[in-house]
Amino acid sequence: MISKTLIIYEYQILYKILSEINEYCDFKILSVNKEKFQELNLDSFDSYLIISSKKSFNLSNVLILENLPIKLNKLIQIININFLKTNFVKQSKVRVGNYRLDLNSREIILDNLSLSLTEKETEMIIFIKSNNNVSIKELQNNVWGYSSNLETHTVETHIHRLRKKMKEKFGDDIFIQNSQKGYKIT
């Protein structure tokens, strides 16, 4: 399970309130001032959310409390929703060789170039990446849900189209390779 940390930035009264009910929360609470915040390595946290009353952040997972007062149960609900959103975004980015695959937008990205993918192309990439040397029958079963004795060229057609798109967009003609053992992504 991912451990969540709520970083409360220069908001001591909120820290005191949440500390009193911390045993009922499913996140750790950390209080920081400006100096402590600059010393923090945010990459060291599995999942974090910064909460503040100040608009002095240029980060994506910051919750600014403006509409006060707020009921405590509503605040906890807002915090939990923001943790879910942060984790959803974090989990949607997958590394595929030199590329980043964004599962939410179904785009494959290299540097500043991005290529839109179909749902099946995305599923196919994930399956091949997770199970290198994948046969056509395995792709038919696991991506398309076809029975293994069905004669079809769906997989080959999709592989051909994806290779063509990858070559046109990124100049990559070896993204999906095939051998005697099956398809693999390099």
N, C-alpha and C. Protein backbone atom coordinates (compact mmCIF):
# COMPACT_ATOMS: atom_id res chain seq x y z
N MET A 1 0.84 -1.19 0.00
CA MET A 1 0.00 0.00 0.00
C MET A 1 0.88 1.25 0.00
N ILE A 2 0.50 2.22 -0.73
CA ILE A 2 1.25 3.47 -0.80
C ILE A 2 0.99 4.26 0.47
N SER A 3 2.07 4.70 1.10
CA SER A 3 1.88 5.54 2.29
C SER A 3 1.72 6.98 1.84
N LYS A 4 0.74 7.63 2.43
CA LYS A 4 0.41 9.00 2.05
C LYS A 4 0.89 9.95 3.15
N THR A 5 1.40 11.09 2.72
CA THR A 5 1.87 12.11 3.65
C THR A 5 1.20 13.43 3.32
N LEU A 6 0.55 14.00 4.30
CA LEU A 6 -0.04 15.33 4.16
C LEU A 6 0.97 16.32 4.72
N ILE A 7 1.47 17.20 3.87
CA ILE A 7 2.45 18.20 4.27
C ILE A 7 1.69 19.51 4.49
N ILE A 8 1.65 19.93 5.72
CA ILE A 8 0.93 21.16 6.07
C ILE A 8 1.95 22.29 6.12
N TYR A 9 1.76 23.24 5.18
CA TYR A 9 2.73 24.31 5.01
C TYR A 9 2.27 25.57 5.74
N GLU A 10 3.06 25.96 6.75
CA GLU A 10 2.83 27.20 7.52
C GLU A 10 1.36 27.40 7.88
N TYR A 11 0.79 26.37 8.49
CA TYR A 11 -0.62 26.40 8.88
C TYR A 11 -0.75 25.63 10.19
N GLN A 12 -0.17 26.19 11.25
CA GLN A 12 -0.01 25.51 12.52
C GLN A 12 -1.34 25.11 13.17
N ILE A 13 -2.37 25.94 13.06
CA ILE A 13 -3.65 25.60 13.68
C ILE A 13 -4.26 24.36 13.02
N LEU A 14 -4.13 24.25 11.73
CA LEU A 14 -4.63 23.08 11.02
C LEU A 14 -3.84 21.84 11.43
N TYR A 15 -2.55 21.99 11.57
CA TYR A 15 -1.72 20.87 12.02
C TYR A 15 -2.17 20.38 13.39
N LYS A 16 -2.43 21.29 14.30
CA LYS A 16 -2.87 20.92 15.65
C LYS A 16 -4.21 20.17 15.60
N ILE A 17 -5.13 20.66 14.80
CA ILE A 17 -6.45 20.03 14.69
C ILE A 17 -6.33 18.62 14.11
N LEU A 18 -5.60 18.49 13.02
CA LEU A 18 -5.47 17.18 12.39
C LEU A 18 -4.63 16.21 13.22
N SER A 19 -3.69 16.72 13.98
CA SER A 19 -2.88 15.87 14.86
C SER A 19 -3.75 15.22 15.93
N GLU A 20 -4.77 15.93 16.38
CA GLU A 20 -5.66 15.38 17.40
C GLU A 20 -6.48 14.19 16.89
N ILE A 21 -6.76 14.17 15.60
CA ILE A 21 -7.56 13.07 15.04
C ILE A 21 -6.72 12.18 14.13
N ASN A 22 -5.42 12.30 14.21
CA ASN A 22 -4.53 11.58 13.31
C ASN A 22 -4.74 10.06 13.32
N GLU A 23 -5.11 9.50 14.46
CA GLU A 23 -5.29 8.05 14.53
C GLU A 23 -6.45 7.57 13.66
N TYR A 24 -7.34 8.47 13.25
CA TYR A 24 -8.47 8.12 12.41
C TYR A 24 -8.21 8.42 10.92
N CYS A 25 -7.06 8.98 10.63
CA CYS A 25 -6.72 9.33 9.24
C CYS A 25 -5.84 8.24 8.65
N ASP A 26 -5.89 8.08 7.35
CA ASP A 26 -5.05 7.09 6.69
C ASP A 26 -3.87 7.74 5.99
N PHE A 27 -3.39 8.84 6.56
CA PHE A 27 -2.22 9.52 6.02
C PHE A 27 -1.40 10.06 7.18
N LYS A 28 -0.10 10.20 6.94
CA LYS A 28 0.78 10.82 7.93
C LYS A 28 0.68 12.33 7.78
N ILE A 29 0.94 13.03 8.86
CA ILE A 29 0.85 14.49 8.85
C ILE A 29 2.22 15.06 9.20
N LEU A 30 2.63 16.04 8.40
CA LEU A 30 3.92 16.68 8.60
C LEU A 30 3.72 18.19 8.52
N SER A 31 4.21 18.90 9.52
CA SER A 31 4.09 20.35 9.53
C SER A 31 5.45 20.95 9.16
N VAL A 32 5.41 21.89 8.19
CA VAL A 32 6.66 22.52 7.77
C VAL A 32 6.48 24.03 7.62
N ASN A 33 7.57 24.72 7.87
CA ASN A 33 7.61 26.16 7.55
C ASN A 33 8.41 26.32 6.27
N LYS A 34 8.64 27.54 5.86
CA LYS A 34 9.33 27.80 4.59
C LYS A 34 10.71 27.15 4.54
N GLU A 35 11.47 27.27 5.63
CA GLU A 35 12.83 26.73 5.66
C GLU A 35 12.81 25.20 5.58
N LYS A 36 11.94 24.56 6.38
CA LYS A 36 11.86 23.10 6.37
C LYS A 36 11.37 22.59 5.01
N PHE A 37 10.46 23.33 4.40
CA PHE A 37 9.93 22.91 3.11
C PHE A 37 11.03 22.89 2.04
N GLN A 38 11.90 23.89 2.06
CA GLN A 38 12.98 23.95 1.08
C GLN A 38 13.97 22.80 1.25
N GLU A 39 14.05 22.25 2.47
CA GLU A 39 14.94 21.12 2.73
C GLU A 39 14.31 19.78 2.36
N LEU A 40 12.99 19.76 2.16
CA LEU A 40 12.29 18.50 1.86
C LEU A 40 12.66 17.98 0.48
N ASN A 41 12.81 16.68 0.40
CA ASN A 41 12.96 16.01 -0.89
C ASN A 41 11.61 15.36 -1.19
N LEU A 42 10.79 16.02 -2.00
CA LEU A 42 9.44 15.53 -2.27
C LEU A 42 9.46 14.18 -2.98
N ASP A 43 10.53 13.88 -3.70
CA ASP A 43 10.63 12.59 -4.39
C ASP A 43 10.78 11.43 -3.41
N SER A 44 11.13 11.72 -2.16
CA SER A 44 11.30 10.65 -1.19
C SER A 44 9.97 10.14 -0.63
N PHE A 45 8.88 10.84 -0.93
CA PHE A 45 7.56 10.42 -0.46
C PHE A 45 6.88 9.55 -1.51
N ASP A 46 6.24 8.48 -1.05
CA ASP A 46 5.46 7.65 -1.99
C ASP A 46 4.35 8.49 -2.61
N SER A 47 3.61 9.15 -1.75
CA SER A 47 2.49 9.98 -2.19
C SER A 47 2.36 11.13 -1.19
N TYR A 48 2.27 12.33 -1.72
CA TYR A 48 2.15 13.47 -0.82
C TYR A 48 1.14 14.47 -1.37
N LEU A 49 0.62 15.26 -0.44
CA LEU A 49 -0.27 16.36 -0.76
C LEU A 49 0.14 17.51 0.14
N ILE A 50 0.30 18.67 -0.44
CA ILE A 50 0.66 19.86 0.32
C ILE A 50 -0.61 20.65 0.55
N ILE A 51 -0.83 21.06 1.79
CA ILE A 51 -2.00 21.86 2.10
C ILE A 51 -1.53 23.16 2.74
N SER A 52 -2.13 24.26 2.30
CA SER A 52 -1.70 25.57 2.76
C SER A 52 -2.84 26.55 2.63
N SER A 53 -2.68 27.68 3.26
CA SER A 53 -3.64 28.78 3.07
C SER A 53 -3.04 29.84 2.16
N LYS A 54 -1.80 29.61 1.74
CA LYS A 54 -1.09 30.57 0.91
C LYS A 54 -0.98 30.06 -0.52
N LYS A 55 -1.05 30.96 -1.48
CA LYS A 55 -0.97 30.59 -2.90
C LYS A 55 0.44 30.75 -3.44
N SER A 56 1.43 30.29 -2.73
CA SER A 56 2.80 30.52 -3.14
C SER A 56 3.47 29.27 -3.73
N PHE A 57 2.69 28.38 -4.34
CA PHE A 57 3.25 27.13 -4.85
C PHE A 57 3.08 27.02 -6.35
N ASN A 58 4.07 26.41 -6.97
CA ASN A 58 4.00 26.12 -8.40
C ASN A 58 4.11 24.61 -8.59
N LEU A 59 3.36 23.86 -7.78
CA LEU A 59 3.34 22.41 -7.85
C LEU A 59 1.92 21.94 -8.16
N SER A 60 1.79 20.72 -8.65
CA SER A 60 0.47 20.25 -9.06
C SER A 60 -0.36 19.68 -7.92
N ASN A 61 0.24 19.08 -6.93
CA ASN A 61 -0.54 18.46 -5.87
C ASN A 61 -0.54 19.29 -4.58
N VAL A 62 -1.09 20.49 -4.74
CA VAL A 62 -1.21 21.43 -3.62
C VAL A 62 -2.68 21.77 -3.45
N LEU A 63 -3.12 21.73 -2.22
CA LEU A 63 -4.48 22.10 -1.87
C LEU A 63 -4.43 23.41 -1.09
N ILE A 64 -5.02 24.45 -1.66
CA ILE A 64 -5.05 25.76 -1.00
C ILE A 64 -6.43 25.91 -0.35
N LEU A 65 -6.43 26.12 0.94
CA LEU A 65 -7.69 26.30 1.67
C LEU A 65 -8.05 27.79 1.66
N GLU A 66 -9.10 28.09 0.92
CA GLU A 66 -9.53 29.49 0.83
C GLU A 66 -10.92 29.69 1.44
N ASN A 67 -11.81 28.78 1.15
CA ASN A 67 -13.20 28.93 1.58
C ASN A 67 -13.38 28.42 3.00
N LEU A 68 -13.04 29.25 3.93
CA LEU A 68 -13.13 28.89 5.35
C LEU A 68 -14.24 29.68 6.00
N PRO A 69 -14.86 29.21 7.01
CA PRO A 69 -14.62 27.94 7.70
C PRO A 69 -15.14 26.76 6.89
N ILE A 70 -14.65 25.58 7.29
CA ILE A 70 -15.05 24.34 6.63
C ILE A 70 -15.22 23.26 7.71
N LYS A 71 -16.20 22.41 7.52
CA LYS A 71 -16.42 21.33 8.48
C LYS A 71 -15.26 20.33 8.37
N LEU A 72 -14.89 19.76 9.49
CA LEU A 72 -13.75 18.86 9.54
C LEU A 72 -13.95 17.63 8.64
N ASN A 73 -15.14 17.04 8.68
CA ASN A 73 -15.36 15.86 7.84
C ASN A 73 -15.28 16.21 6.35
N LYS A 74 -15.70 17.40 5.98
CA LYS A 74 -15.60 17.86 4.60
C LYS A 74 -14.12 18.05 4.22
N LEU A 75 -13.33 18.60 5.11
CA LEU A 75 -11.90 18.79 4.87
C LEU A 75 -11.20 17.44 4.66
N ILE A 76 -11.51 16.46 5.50
CA ILE A 76 -10.92 15.13 5.37
C ILE A 76 -11.31 14.52 4.02
N GLN A 77 -12.56 14.71 3.64
CA GLN A 77 -13.05 14.20 2.36
C GLN A 77 -12.27 14.85 1.20
N ILE A 78 -12.09 16.14 1.25
CA ILE A 78 -11.34 16.87 0.21
C ILE A 78 -9.89 16.38 0.15
N ILE A 79 -9.28 16.17 1.29
CA ILE A 79 -7.90 15.67 1.35
C ILE A 79 -7.82 14.30 0.70
N ASN A 80 -8.73 13.40 1.07
CA ASN A 80 -8.72 12.05 0.51
C ASN A 80 -8.96 12.05 -1.00
N ILE A 81 -9.85 12.88 -1.48
CA ILE A 81 -10.10 12.99 -2.92
C ILE A 81 -8.85 13.47 -3.65
N ASN A 82 -8.16 14.44 -3.07
CA ASN A 82 -6.93 14.94 -3.69
C ASN A 82 -5.82 13.89 -3.70
N PHE A 83 -5.73 13.08 -2.65
CA PHE A 83 -4.77 11.97 -2.66
C PHE A 83 -5.11 10.98 -3.77
N LEU A 84 -6.39 10.68 -3.94
CA LEU A 84 -6.81 9.75 -5.00
C LEU A 84 -6.45 10.30 -6.38
N LYS A 85 -6.71 11.58 -6.60
CA LYS A 85 -6.39 12.20 -7.89
C LYS A 85 -4.89 12.15 -8.15
N THR A 86 -4.10 12.47 -7.15
CA THR A 86 -2.64 12.46 -7.28
C THR A 86 -2.14 11.06 -7.63
N ASN A 87 -2.65 10.06 -6.93
CA ASN A 87 -2.22 8.69 -7.18
C ASN A 87 -2.68 8.20 -8.55
N PHE A 88 -3.86 8.60 -8.97
CA PHE A 88 -4.37 8.21 -10.29
C PHE A 88 -3.45 8.75 -11.39
N VAL A 89 -3.08 10.00 -11.28
CA VAL A 89 -2.20 10.61 -12.28
C VAL A 89 -0.83 9.94 -12.24
N LYS A 90 -0.32 9.69 -11.04
CA LYS A 90 1.00 9.08 -10.90
C LYS A 90 1.03 7.67 -11.49
N GLN A 91 -0.03 6.90 -11.27
CA GLN A 91 -0.08 5.53 -11.75
C GLN A 91 -0.37 5.45 -13.25
N SER A 92 -0.81 6.52 -13.85
CA SER A 92 -1.16 6.47 -15.27
C SER A 92 0.05 6.65 -16.19
N LYS A 93 1.19 6.97 -15.65
CA LYS A 93 2.39 7.15 -16.45
C LYS A 93 3.24 5.87 -16.38
N VAL A 94 3.49 5.27 -17.56
CA VAL A 94 4.22 4.01 -17.63
C VAL A 94 5.43 4.22 -18.54
N ARG A 95 6.57 3.72 -18.13
CA ARG A 95 7.79 3.79 -18.92
C ARG A 95 7.82 2.62 -19.88
N VAL A 96 8.00 2.89 -21.16
CA VAL A 96 8.12 1.85 -22.18
C VAL A 96 9.37 2.17 -22.99
N GLY A 97 10.47 1.54 -22.63
CA GLY A 97 11.75 1.85 -23.28
C GLY A 97 12.10 3.31 -23.06
N ASN A 98 12.34 4.05 -24.13
CA ASN A 98 12.66 5.48 -24.03
C ASN A 98 11.41 6.35 -23.96
N TYR A 99 10.26 5.74 -24.06
CA TYR A 99 8.99 6.47 -24.14
C TYR A 99 8.28 6.49 -22.79
N ARG A 100 7.36 7.46 -22.67
CA ARG A 100 6.40 7.49 -21.57
C ARG A 100 5.03 7.22 -22.18
N LEU A 101 4.31 6.32 -21.58
CA LEU A 101 2.96 6.01 -22.04
C LEU A 101 1.99 6.56 -21.01
N ASP A 102 1.14 7.49 -21.44
CA ASP A 102 0.13 8.07 -20.56
C ASP A 102 -1.17 7.29 -20.78
N LEU A 103 -1.54 6.51 -19.78
CA LEU A 103 -2.71 5.65 -19.91
C LEU A 103 -4.01 6.45 -19.90
N ASN A 104 -4.02 7.59 -19.26
CA ASN A 104 -5.24 8.41 -19.22
C ASN A 104 -5.53 9.03 -20.57
N SER A 105 -4.54 9.63 -21.18
CA SER A 105 -4.76 10.31 -22.47
C SER A 105 -4.49 9.39 -23.66
N ARG A 106 -4.00 8.19 -23.38
CA ARG A 106 -3.62 7.22 -24.42
C ARG A 106 -2.67 7.86 -25.43
N GLU A 107 -1.57 8.38 -24.89
CA GLU A 107 -0.53 8.98 -25.73
C GLU A 107 0.80 8.34 -25.36
N ILE A 108 1.63 8.17 -26.36
CA ILE A 108 3.00 7.76 -26.13
C ILE A 108 3.88 8.97 -26.44
N ILE A 109 4.83 9.24 -25.55
CA ILE A 109 5.57 10.50 -25.59
C ILE A 109 7.07 10.23 -25.58
N LEU A 110 7.77 10.95 -26.43
CA LEU A 110 9.23 10.94 -26.45
C LEU A 110 9.67 12.39 -26.58
N ASP A 111 10.39 12.86 -25.58
CA ASP A 111 10.81 14.26 -25.53
C ASP A 111 9.58 15.16 -25.65
N ASN A 112 9.51 16.00 -26.67
CA ASN A 112 8.36 16.90 -26.84
C ASN A 112 7.37 16.41 -27.88
N LEU A 113 7.57 15.21 -28.39
CA LEU A 113 6.67 14.64 -29.38
C LEU A 113 5.70 13.67 -28.71
N SER A 114 4.44 13.72 -29.14
CA SER A 114 3.47 12.76 -28.61
C SER A 114 2.65 12.19 -29.76
N LEU A 115 2.19 10.97 -29.56
CA LEU A 115 1.42 10.26 -30.56
C LEU A 115 0.18 9.69 -29.89
N SER A 116 -0.98 10.01 -30.43
CA SER A 116 -2.23 9.47 -29.91
C SER A 116 -2.36 8.01 -30.31
N LEU A 117 -2.83 7.20 -29.37
CA LEU A 117 -3.00 5.78 -29.59
C LEU A 117 -4.46 5.39 -29.44
N THR A 118 -4.83 4.30 -30.07
CA THR A 118 -6.16 3.75 -29.85
C THR A 118 -6.14 2.95 -28.54
N GLU A 119 -7.31 2.60 -28.06
CA GLU A 119 -7.39 1.80 -26.85
C GLU A 119 -6.68 0.46 -27.04
N LYS A 120 -6.89 -0.18 -28.16
CA LYS A 120 -6.26 -1.49 -28.43
C LYS A 120 -4.75 -1.36 -28.56
N GLU A 121 -4.27 -0.30 -29.19
CA GLU A 121 -2.83 -0.09 -29.29
C GLU A 121 -2.22 0.05 -27.90
N THR A 122 -2.90 0.80 -27.04
CA THR A 122 -2.42 0.99 -25.67
C THR A 122 -2.39 -0.35 -24.93
N GLU A 123 -3.47 -1.10 -25.02
CA GLU A 123 -3.55 -2.41 -24.36
C GLU A 123 -2.48 -3.35 -24.90
N MET A 124 -2.27 -3.33 -26.20
CA MET A 124 -1.28 -4.18 -26.83
C MET A 124 0.13 -3.83 -26.34
N ILE A 125 0.46 -2.55 -26.27
CA ILE A 125 1.77 -2.11 -25.79
C ILE A 125 1.98 -2.58 -24.35
N ILE A 126 1.00 -2.36 -23.50
CA ILE A 126 1.12 -2.76 -22.09
C ILE A 126 1.31 -4.27 -21.98
N PHE A 127 0.52 -5.03 -22.73
CA PHE A 127 0.63 -6.49 -22.65
C PHE A 127 1.99 -6.97 -23.13
N ILE A 128 2.45 -6.46 -24.26
CA ILE A 128 3.75 -6.89 -24.79
C ILE A 128 4.87 -6.47 -23.84
N LYS A 129 4.78 -5.25 -23.31
CA LYS A 129 5.81 -4.76 -22.39
C LYS A 129 5.88 -5.65 -21.14
N SER A 130 4.73 -6.06 -20.64
CA SER A 130 4.68 -6.88 -19.42
C SER A 130 5.05 -8.33 -19.66
N ASN A 131 4.92 -8.81 -20.89
CA ASN A 131 5.15 -10.22 -21.20
C ASN A 131 5.96 -10.34 -22.48
N ASN A 132 7.20 -9.95 -22.46
CA ASN A 132 8.00 -9.98 -23.69
C ASN A 132 7.95 -11.35 -24.36
N ASN A 133 8.13 -11.35 -25.68
CA ASN A 133 8.02 -12.55 -26.51
C ASN A 133 6.60 -13.12 -26.46
N VAL A 134 5.67 -12.29 -26.86
CA VAL A 134 4.25 -12.62 -26.84
C VAL A 134 3.83 -13.13 -28.21
N SER A 135 3.12 -14.25 -28.22
CA SER A 135 2.66 -14.82 -29.49
C SER A 135 1.38 -14.12 -29.95
N ILE A 136 1.05 -14.33 -31.21
CA ILE A 136 -0.18 -13.77 -31.77
C ILE A 136 -1.38 -14.31 -31.01
N LYS A 137 -1.35 -15.60 -30.70
CA LYS A 137 -2.48 -16.22 -29.98
C LYS A 137 -2.65 -15.61 -28.59
N GLU A 138 -1.53 -15.31 -27.90
CA GLU A 138 -1.61 -14.67 -26.59
C GLU A 138 -2.24 -13.29 -26.70
N LEU A 139 -1.84 -12.54 -27.72
CA LEU A 139 -2.44 -11.22 -27.93
C LEU A 139 -3.92 -11.34 -28.27
N GLN A 140 -4.27 -12.31 -29.12
CA GLN A 140 -5.69 -12.52 -29.44
C GLN A 140 -6.49 -12.81 -28.18
N ASN A 141 -5.97 -13.67 -27.33
CA ASN A 141 -6.69 -14.06 -26.10
C ASN A 141 -6.77 -12.92 -25.10
N ASN A 142 -5.64 -12.27 -24.85
CA ASN A 142 -5.55 -11.33 -23.73
C ASN A 142 -5.94 -9.89 -24.07
N VAL A 143 -5.76 -9.48 -25.31
CA VAL A 143 -6.09 -8.11 -25.68
C VAL A 143 -7.45 -8.05 -26.37
N TRP A 144 -7.70 -9.01 -27.26
CA TRP A 144 -8.96 -8.97 -28.01
C TRP A 144 -10.01 -9.93 -27.46
N GLY A 145 -9.61 -10.90 -26.64
CA GLY A 145 -10.57 -11.84 -26.09
C GLY A 145 -11.04 -12.89 -27.08
N TYR A 146 -10.25 -13.12 -28.15
CA TYR A 146 -10.59 -14.13 -29.14
C TYR A 146 -10.16 -15.50 -28.65
N SER A 147 -10.86 -16.53 -29.08
CA SER A 147 -10.43 -17.89 -28.76
C SER A 147 -9.19 -18.21 -29.58
N SER A 148 -8.35 -19.08 -29.07
CA SER A 148 -7.06 -19.33 -29.70
C SER A 148 -7.15 -20.08 -31.03
N ASN A 149 -8.30 -20.70 -31.32
CA ASN A 149 -8.39 -21.43 -32.59
C ASN A 149 -9.04 -20.61 -33.70
N LEU A 150 -9.27 -19.32 -33.44
CA LEU A 150 -9.88 -18.44 -34.44
C LEU A 150 -8.81 -17.94 -35.40
N GLU A 151 -9.07 -18.01 -36.68
CA GLU A 151 -8.13 -17.55 -37.70
C GLU A 151 -8.43 -16.08 -38.02
N THR A 152 -7.52 -15.19 -37.69
CA THR A 152 -7.70 -13.76 -37.95
C THR A 152 -6.35 -13.09 -38.07
N HIS A 153 -6.31 -11.98 -38.77
CA HIS A 153 -5.08 -11.21 -38.92
C HIS A 153 -5.16 -9.88 -38.18
N THR A 154 -6.04 -9.81 -37.20
CA THR A 154 -6.24 -8.58 -36.42
C THR A 154 -4.94 -8.13 -35.75
N VAL A 155 -4.26 -9.06 -35.11
CA VAL A 155 -3.02 -8.71 -34.39
C VAL A 155 -1.98 -8.17 -35.36
N GLU A 156 -1.75 -8.90 -36.44
CA GLU A 156 -0.73 -8.47 -37.40
C GLU A 156 -1.07 -7.10 -37.98
N THR A 157 -2.35 -6.86 -38.26
CA THR A 157 -2.78 -5.58 -38.80
C THR A 157 -2.50 -4.45 -37.81
N HIS A 158 -2.85 -4.66 -36.54
CA HIS A 158 -2.62 -3.64 -35.52
C HIS A 158 -1.12 -3.39 -35.30
N ILE A 159 -0.34 -4.46 -35.28
CA ILE A 159 1.12 -4.32 -35.12
C ILE A 159 1.67 -3.51 -36.29
N HIS A 160 1.26 -3.83 -37.49
CA HIS A 160 1.73 -3.12 -38.69
C HIS A 160 1.38 -1.63 -38.60
N ARG A 161 0.13 -1.32 -38.24
CA ARG A 161 -0.29 0.09 -38.15
C ARG A 161 0.46 0.84 -37.05
N LEU A 162 0.65 0.18 -35.91
CA LEU A 162 1.38 0.83 -34.82
C LEU A 162 2.84 1.07 -35.20
N ARG A 163 3.46 0.10 -35.81
CA ARG A 163 4.84 0.29 -36.28
C ARG A 163 4.94 1.47 -37.24
N LYS A 164 3.99 1.54 -38.17
CA LYS A 164 3.97 2.63 -39.15
C LYS A 164 3.83 3.98 -38.45
N LYS A 165 2.91 4.09 -37.48
CA LYS A 165 2.71 5.35 -36.74
C LYS A 165 3.98 5.73 -35.98
N MET A 166 4.62 4.74 -35.34
CA MET A 166 5.83 5.01 -34.57
C MET A 166 6.97 5.47 -35.48
N LYS A 167 7.07 4.88 -36.65
CA LYS A 167 8.13 5.28 -37.57
C LYS A 167 7.87 6.69 -38.10
N GLU A 168 6.62 6.99 -38.46
CA GLU A 168 6.29 8.32 -38.99
C GLU A 168 6.49 9.41 -37.95
N LYS A 169 6.09 9.15 -36.71
CA LYS A 169 6.16 10.19 -35.68
C LYS A 169 7.55 10.32 -35.05
N PHE A 170 8.16 9.17 -34.73
CA PHE A 170 9.42 9.19 -33.97
C PHE A 170 10.62 8.69 -34.76
N GLY A 171 10.40 8.20 -35.98
CA GLY A 171 11.49 7.63 -36.76
C GLY A 171 11.97 6.31 -36.20
N ASP A 172 11.14 5.64 -35.41
CA ASP A 172 11.50 4.41 -34.72
C ASP A 172 10.90 3.22 -35.47
N ASP A 173 11.75 2.46 -36.13
CA ASP A 173 11.22 1.31 -36.85
C ASP A 173 11.54 -0.01 -36.14
N ILE A 174 12.00 0.06 -34.89
CA ILE A 174 12.27 -1.16 -34.12
C ILE A 174 11.51 -1.18 -32.80
N PHE A 175 10.46 -0.36 -32.66
CA PHE A 175 9.71 -0.28 -31.40
C PHE A 175 9.15 -1.65 -31.01
N ILE A 176 8.45 -2.30 -31.92
CA ILE A 176 7.96 -3.65 -31.67
C ILE A 176 8.73 -4.58 -32.61
N GLN A 177 9.42 -5.53 -32.02
CA GLN A 177 10.19 -6.48 -32.81
C GLN A 177 9.55 -7.86 -32.69
N ASN A 178 9.74 -8.66 -33.72
CA ASN A 178 9.26 -10.03 -33.60
C ASN A 178 10.37 -11.00 -33.92
N SER A 179 10.27 -12.15 -33.28
CA SER A 179 11.25 -13.22 -33.47
C SER A 179 10.48 -14.53 -33.51
N GLN A 180 11.21 -15.63 -33.49
CA GLN A 180 10.57 -16.94 -33.45
C GLN A 180 9.69 -17.10 -32.21
N LYS A 181 10.07 -16.43 -31.11
CA LYS A 181 9.35 -16.56 -29.85
C LYS A 181 8.13 -15.65 -29.75
N GLY A 182 8.07 -14.60 -30.53
CA GLY A 182 6.93 -13.70 -30.50
C GLY A 182 7.35 -12.24 -30.55
N TYR A 183 6.41 -11.37 -30.19
CA TYR A 183 6.64 -9.92 -30.22
C TYR A 183 7.26 -9.46 -28.92
N LYS A 184 8.11 -8.44 -29.04
CA LYS A 184 8.69 -7.81 -27.85
C LYS A 184 8.91 -6.34 -28.13
N ILE A 185 8.96 -5.55 -27.07
CA ILE A 185 9.21 -4.12 -27.18
C ILE A 185 10.59 -3.86 -26.62
N THR A 186 11.40 -3.12 -27.40
CA THR A 186 12.77 -2.84 -26.97
C THR A 186 12.86 -1.53 -26.22
